[in-house]
Amino acid sequence: MHPSLSLSNLHLLPLSLRKSDSAAANGSPDDISKMLHVVNEEPPSIARLTLPIFYANLDLAKAEQIKREGDVPTLAQRDFFPPVLFALQGLSLSQELPKETFPELWPRVWGWSQLVMRHQHWLARVLSSEEFSSTKTPIVLILLLGRIHRDCKIFAKTIDAELGVRNMVARVWVFVSRSDIWDPDHLDDLIQASGGSLAHFATLLVRFVTHLATEDKSVSLYCMAAALHVMEQTESVRPEVSDLLLRAGIVRALVIILQKQSNGLTHRDGTLDRGFRVLVAKICDSPGPCRGWFLEALRAGLLDLIVSAMENPRLISADQLKSYISDLLRWFLPFRSVLIVLSPLLVEVQRSMIRKFRLLQRSPAWVSWMSFTNTVGKWMQRLHTHESPNRISRRACDNVECEVTSVKTDFQCCSGCVSVYYCSVECQRLDWRRGHRKTCAAIRTHSLEHPSSFNSRDESFFRTTLHQAYGLCIPDILLSTLSVMQRAPGKVYLTTFQYRNGDFGVGVDVAEADAPAGLHVFGPKWTDLVSRAAASRGRIHLHVFILPRTPPEKPVGVLLPLRTRTSALHDALLSMLPEVPDDHEIPAWQCSRETRDKIDILIRETGAKNEMH
């Protein structure tokens, strides 16, 4: 036994405490509680002398006796617990625990901690509130584990390997998360008890939420409320934990537990509303690639969860459900990777809906669901067209002086930036001299430092989608371009496609030398394409596809240039400028009928709808 744990040290206590030290060491609750005042009020050198008393009261022989005699302690054994609870509290309050004592303290602490947490409901019934607190005791265990992690990291590895430690810490969160006892000062101890870092904390919280799917519904609902509170409180103090939770799989865990709670729900519960809100916020408003979190939710059963909410109106309100179907499910349809995963899942869900068709048809969200499925069908048609073996992908030479257009395989890309293509070595040399030598390395560096949140197939599908949207909107785009050309002649013009709930909003503006304020543009360097468009004499048109689910104050877009074989379209627009009203504030749709007819003729004569991205 370590000397610090020996009862022979009690004679060093002050005379005022010598009268009760023996009784405290023999398990007298009143006398042990006096020792807690010593730990709180006396200097650490005096408080350390109470350590043998706490150690003596954590007698493992009594713990083994309780385990042997049955699953539930007897009333005769109730007196074993008050001294133990006070001893655990004393250890957690001790500011200085000698590191050398941990190997001897830990087996006793862990043995009794298991018993206390296993029988906490029984203890709450048979002990007084002074002897046992269902809120204070779990905090004591967390503080004690955190202190061991903080003061002796080597021994903490042994604790981490102990079977059940992680599970106990997670269950303790159910109590420490209650709003009336949550204290940000406890967060560091929670983190230390979880493994020493925020990543460990996030992983353990996700495992806890996942484990709730196997628990009784009433228990898991209470625990879910606690976990959501821990999540929100922690994010308010340490915002960086949000990304760690996402990477640990919180989206999948929330979908699974919400799906379980929705089955057979008999009454409205605010916890489920709260869980839905947290889930949607995690998918849409978190940093990083939102599409990835949406895919994770889809694979975990998001569509089944939405159908369950339609079937059971007690789960969430009808207005919220309509919002989730109209906004959340539609936002990510322009991504090819989402459509590939969504299509077979939607087919499977619709098959399962046949059995309860009449019930679902009465749901207030039924119209929104049917609109969503129809929109998915349209996007799948676009995807099939895009991936058709008969589709020929064409492009133009990136030497602005060259008019060669052909199939994509006839071009070679620049090996430096891998973002521009040429029809011949001669065109590459000319473009290098024109200015690509100044931007090649910068484009490559930008691509490495700011990787896209989507793959090349997604970007290719963006191009096809944008080309189709351009073909549908080209009259309005050209009319808007005329108005902007009247206001700012001789500039490069930028067409913005903003995806909204299955459709596109289109706008035209001047493309400045720098990207518009607040617009984070993926793809080739902005200034390089603007300079190319300026030198192309109207044969390069710039388009930005604003990605879905990006904040309005800082939109994220993909810059996609449109190439034409000649400058005929641009020259024809210039010739029409005298017919545009001087008041450039007049909207494009208010232009005269004659101007609109000329635009339609111009589109047919120049073949503008058939040009290439």
Foldseek 3Di string as FASTA:
>chain_A
DDPLQDPVLLVVADPVLNVLLVVLLVQDLVSLVVLLVCLVPPPLVNNSSSNNSLLSLLDVVLLVVQVVPDQAGDPVSLSSQLSNLSSLLSLLSRPDDPLVCCVVRVVSLVSVLVVCVSCVVVNPVNDDCVRDDLQVSLLSNLSNLLVNLVPPVVVNVVVVPDPPQLVSLLVSLLRCLPPVNPDPVSVSSSCSSQPRDLLSSLLSLLVSLQVLLVDDLVVSLSSLLSSLSVVVVVCVVPVVSLVSNVVSPNLLSLLSNLLSNLPPDDAADVSLVSSVVVNLCSLQVDPAQSVVSVLSNVVSPVVVSLLSCLLPVSRDHLVVSLCCLQAVLQQALLFPVCLVSVVVSVVVVVVVCVVVVVSSVPGPNNVSNVVSVVLSVVSVVLVCVLPPPPDFAKDAALLLVDLDIDTPVQWDADPQLRAGIHNDPVSVVVVCVVPVVPCSNVQNVVCVVDPDSGDPVSVSSVFSVVLVLCLVCVLQVLLQVLLQCLVPPLFAKEWEWEDDRSHTDIHMHGQDCDHPPQEAEDGGDSNVVRVSCSVNLQQKHWYWYFRGSDDPSRTYTYIDIWGASHNQLVVVSVVCNVQDDSPSVDRSVPRDPVVSVVSVVSCVVRVVSPTGD
